[in-house]
Amino acid sequence: MAHTPLKMSIAEAQSELDKAWTRSYSPERNAQAVESISDKPIDHRIMHFITRLAFRGIYFPQMGKGAWAKLFFANRRLIYSLAREGVSRWQKHEATVGVSSAVPITEI
């Protein structure tokens, strides 16, 4: 630390900092953050979630495949809900585009 905190030891300050970062990037907080922008398009919400995971890596480095797997498993509910919504919207888009922009095939 660059300074000595008032009314707490350096170890206590480090403990508080660790708790704050852990809570900030917990699966529950990730879900709350994405829910807070639920009025935005799905691609914005997915990008926000991916950015949170990448930024989390600065403070909690995922050093191997196992660490990444654990992170994805911890956030599986949010990943599933975003994927489900994305696929649903894509299918609806394909259904409407496929019908309205069908070009008849003509023989030459």
C-alpha atoms as a PDB file:
ATOM      1  CA  MET A   1       0.000   0.000   0.000  1.00  0.00           C
ATOM      2  CA  ALA A   2       1.134   3.543  -0.673  1.00  0.00           C
ATOM      3  CA  HIS A   3      -0.063   4.769   2.724  1.00  0.00           C
ATOM      4  CA  THR A   4      -1.004   3.443   6.131  1.00  0.00           C
ATOM      5  CA  PRO A   5      -4.797   3.343   6.519  1.00  0.00           C
ATOM      6  CA  LEU A   6      -6.379   5.047   9.499  1.00  0.00           C
ATOM      7  CA  LYS A   7      -7.923   2.916  12.264  1.00  0.00           C
ATOM      8  CA  MET A   8      -7.044  -0.393  10.589  1.00  0.00           C
ATOM      9  CA  SER A   9      -3.966  -2.416   9.853  1.00  0.00           C
ATOM     10  CA  ILE A  10      -2.590  -3.017   6.386  1.00  0.00           C
ATOM     11  CA  ALA A  11      -3.724  -6.636   6.624  1.00  0.00           C
ATOM     12  CA  GLU A  12      -7.282  -5.520   7.493  1.00  0.00           C
ATOM     13  CA  ALA A  13      -7.288  -3.061   4.603  1.00  0.00           C
ATOM     14  CA  GLN A  14      -6.089  -5.807   2.243  1.00  0.00           C
ATOM     15  CA  SER A  15      -8.797  -8.119   3.539  1.00  0.00           C
ATOM     16  CA  GLU A  16     -11.460  -5.456   2.925  1.00  0.00           C
ATOM     17  CA  LEU A  17     -10.125  -4.866  -0.564  1.00  0.00           C
ATOM     18  CA  ASP A  18     -10.161  -8.581  -1.357  1.00  0.00           C
ATOM     19  CA  LYS A  19     -13.759  -8.898  -0.135  1.00  0.00           C
ATOM     20  CA  ALA A  20     -14.845  -5.893  -2.193  1.00  0.00           C
ATOM     21  CA  TRP A  21     -13.269  -7.214  -5.419  1.00  0.00           C
ATOM     22  CA  THR A  22     -14.665 -10.692  -4.811  1.00  0.00           C
ATOM     23  CA  ARG A  23     -18.181  -9.319  -4.318  1.00  0.00           C
ATOM     24  CA  SER A  24     -17.864  -6.985  -7.314  1.00  0.00           C
ATOM     25  CA  TYR A  25     -17.123  -9.848  -9.693  1.00  0.00           C
ATOM     26  CA  SER A  26     -19.211 -12.609  -8.121  1.00  0.00           C
ATOM     27  CA  PRO A  27     -21.694 -14.486 -10.330  1.00  0.00           C
ATOM     28  CA  GLU A  28     -24.550 -12.789  -8.462  1.00  0.00           C
ATOM     29  CA  ARG A  29     -23.126  -9.321  -9.118  1.00  0.00           C
ATOM     30  CA  ASN A  30     -22.483 -10.177 -12.777  1.00  0.00           C
ATOM     31  CA  ALA A  31     -26.141 -11.149 -13.118  1.00  0.00           C
ATOM     32  CA  GLN A  32     -27.247  -7.926 -11.400  1.00  0.00           C
ATOM     33  CA  ALA A  33     -25.029  -5.844 -13.681  1.00  0.00           C
ATOM     34  CA  VAL A  34     -26.411  -7.456 -16.825  1.00  0.00           C
ATOM     35  CA  GLU A  35     -29.975  -7.206 -15.474  1.00  0.00           C
ATOM     36  CA  SER A  36     -29.471  -3.492 -14.833  1.00  0.00           C
ATOM     37  CA  ILE A  37     -29.076  -2.968 -18.586  1.00  0.00           C
ATOM     38  CA  SER A  38     -31.917  -5.296 -19.576  1.00  0.00           C
ATOM     39  CA  ASP A  39     -33.394  -2.540 -21.750  1.00  0.00           C
ATOM     40  CA  LYS A  40     -30.322  -2.694 -24.014  1.00  0.00           C
ATOM     41  CA  PRO A  41     -29.995  -5.066 -26.982  1.00  0.00           C
ATOM     42  CA  ILE A  42     -28.775  -8.596 -26.323  1.00  0.00           C
ATOM     43  CA  ASP A  43     -25.435  -7.979 -28.039  1.00  0.00           C
ATOM     44  CA  HIS A  44     -24.679  -5.104 -25.634  1.00  0.00           C
ATOM     45  CA  ARG A  45     -25.506  -7.270 -22.622  1.00  0.00           C
ATOM     46  CA  ILE A  46     -23.359 -10.150 -23.879  1.00  0.00           C
ATOM     47  CA  MET A  47     -20.445  -7.798 -24.538  1.00  0.00           C
ATOM     48  CA  HIS A  48     -20.848  -6.248 -21.082  1.00  0.00           C
ATOM     49  CA  PHE A  49     -20.709  -9.695 -19.488  1.00  0.00           C
ATOM     50  CA  ILE A  50     -17.645 -10.729 -21.509  1.00  0.00           C
ATOM     51  CA  THR A  51     -15.958  -7.454 -20.573  1.00  0.00           C
ATOM     52  CA  ARG A  52     -16.676  -8.085 -16.895  1.00  0.00           C
ATOM     53  CA  LEU A  53     -15.080 -11.525 -17.167  1.00  0.00           C
ATOM     54  CA  ALA A  54     -12.034 -10.124 -18.950  1.00  0.00           C
ATOM     55  CA  PHE A  55     -11.652  -7.228 -16.512  1.00  0.00           C
ATOM     56  CA  ARG A  56     -12.054  -9.679 -13.640  1.00  0.00           C
ATOM     57  CA  GLY A  57      -9.018 -11.467 -15.019  1.00  0.00           C
ATOM     58  CA  ILE A  58      -6.884  -8.442 -14.140  1.00  0.00           C
ATOM     59  CA  TYR A  59      -7.570  -8.907 -10.432  1.00  0.00           C
ATOM     60  CA  PHE A  60      -8.228 -12.650 -10.324  1.00  0.00           C
ATOM     61  CA  PRO A  61      -6.056 -14.146 -13.067  1.00  0.00           C
ATOM     62  CA  GLN A  62      -7.378 -17.348 -14.586  1.00  0.00           C
ATOM     63  CA  MET A  63      -4.101 -19.140 -15.127  1.00  0.00           C
ATOM     64  CA  GLY A  64      -5.333 -22.354 -16.687  1.00  0.00           C
ATOM     65  CA  LYS A  65      -8.202 -24.129 -18.365  1.00  0.00           C
ATOM     66  CA  GLY A  66      -9.476 -25.386 -15.027  1.00  0.00           C
ATOM     67  CA  ALA A  67      -9.752 -21.852 -13.639  1.00  0.00           C
ATOM     68  CA  TRP A  68     -11.650 -20.693 -16.737  1.00  0.00           C
ATOM     69  CA  ALA A  69     -13.939 -23.729 -16.542  1.00  0.00           C
ATOM     70  CA  LYS A  70     -14.644 -22.967 -12.882  1.00  0.00           C
ATOM     71  CA  LEU A  71     -15.421 -19.336 -13.760  1.00  0.00           C
ATOM     72  CA  PHE A  72     -17.808 -20.324 -16.561  1.00  0.00           C
ATOM     73  CA  PHE A  73     -19.439 -22.926 -14.329  1.00  0.00           C
ATOM     74  CA  ALA A  74     -19.967 -20.331 -11.580  1.00  0.00           C
ATOM     75  CA  ASN A  75     -21.634 -18.010 -14.123  1.00  0.00           C
ATOM     76  CA  ARG A  76     -23.544 -20.775 -15.912  1.00  0.00           C
ATOM     77  CA  ARG A  77     -27.015 -19.396 -15.154  1.00  0.00           C
ATOM     78  CA  LEU A  78     -26.238 -16.023 -16.694  1.00  0.00           C
ATOM     79  CA  ILE A  79     -24.459 -17.622 -19.654  1.00  0.00           C
ATOM     80  CA  TYR A  80     -27.434 -19.925 -20.218  1.00  0.00           C
ATOM     81  CA  SER A  81     -29.995 -17.112 -20.010  1.00  0.00           C
ATOM     82  CA  LEU A  82     -28.041 -14.872 -22.399  1.00  0.00           C
ATOM     83  CA  ALA A  83     -27.484 -17.753 -24.829  1.00  0.00           C
ATOM     84  CA  ARG A  84     -31.142 -18.780 -24.682  1.00  0.00           C
ATOM     85  CA  GLU A  85     -32.314 -15.224 -25.348  1.00  0.00           C
ATOM     86  CA  GLY A  86     -29.763 -14.744 -28.134  1.00  0.00           C
ATOM     87  CA  VAL A  87     -30.752 -17.965 -29.902  1.00  0.00           C
ATOM     88  CA  SER A  88     -34.446 -17.137 -29.516  1.00  0.00           C
ATOM     89  CA  ARG A  89     -34.001 -13.686 -31.032  1.00  0.00           C
ATOM     90  CA  TRP A  90     -31.848 -15.098 -33.828  1.00  0.00           C
ATOM     91  CA  GLN A  91     -34.487 -17.725 -34.666  1.00  0.00           C
ATOM     92  CA  LYS A  92     -37.230 -15.082 -34.741  1.00  0.00           C
ATOM     93  CA  HIS A  93     -35.070 -12.897 -36.973  1.00  0.00           C
ATOM     94  CA  GLU A  94     -34.322 -15.791 -39.327  1.00  0.00           C
ATOM     95  CA  ALA A  95     -38.009 -16.669 -39.518  1.00  0.00           C
ATOM     96  CA  THR A  96     -39.024 -13.129 -40.461  1.00  0.00           C
ATOM     97  CA  VAL A  97     -36.101 -12.477 -42.819  1.00  0.00           C
ATOM     98  CA  GLY A  98     -36.427 -15.885 -44.459  1.00  0.00           C
ATOM     99  CA  VAL A  99     -40.085 -15.266 -45.313  1.00  0.00           C
ATOM    100  CA  SER A 100     -39.887 -11.627 -46.377  1.00  0.00           C
ATOM    101  CA  SER A 101     -36.680 -11.734 -48.407  1.00  0.00           C
ATOM    102  CA  ALA A 102     -37.127 -15.024 -50.210  1.00  0.00           C
ATOM    103  CA  VAL A 103     -36.022 -14.668 -53.799  1.00  0.00           C
ATOM    104  CA  PRO A 104     -37.729 -16.985 -56.244  1.00  0.00           C
ATOM    105  CA  ILE A 105     -35.420 -19.195 -58.233  1.00  0.00           C
ATOM    106  CA  THR A 106     -35.992 -18.912 -61.939  1.00  0.00           C
ATOM    107  CA  GLU A 107     -34.648 -21.142 -64.595  1.00  0.00           C
ATOM    108  CA  ILE A 108     -32.690 -19.569 -67.397  1.00  0.00           C
END
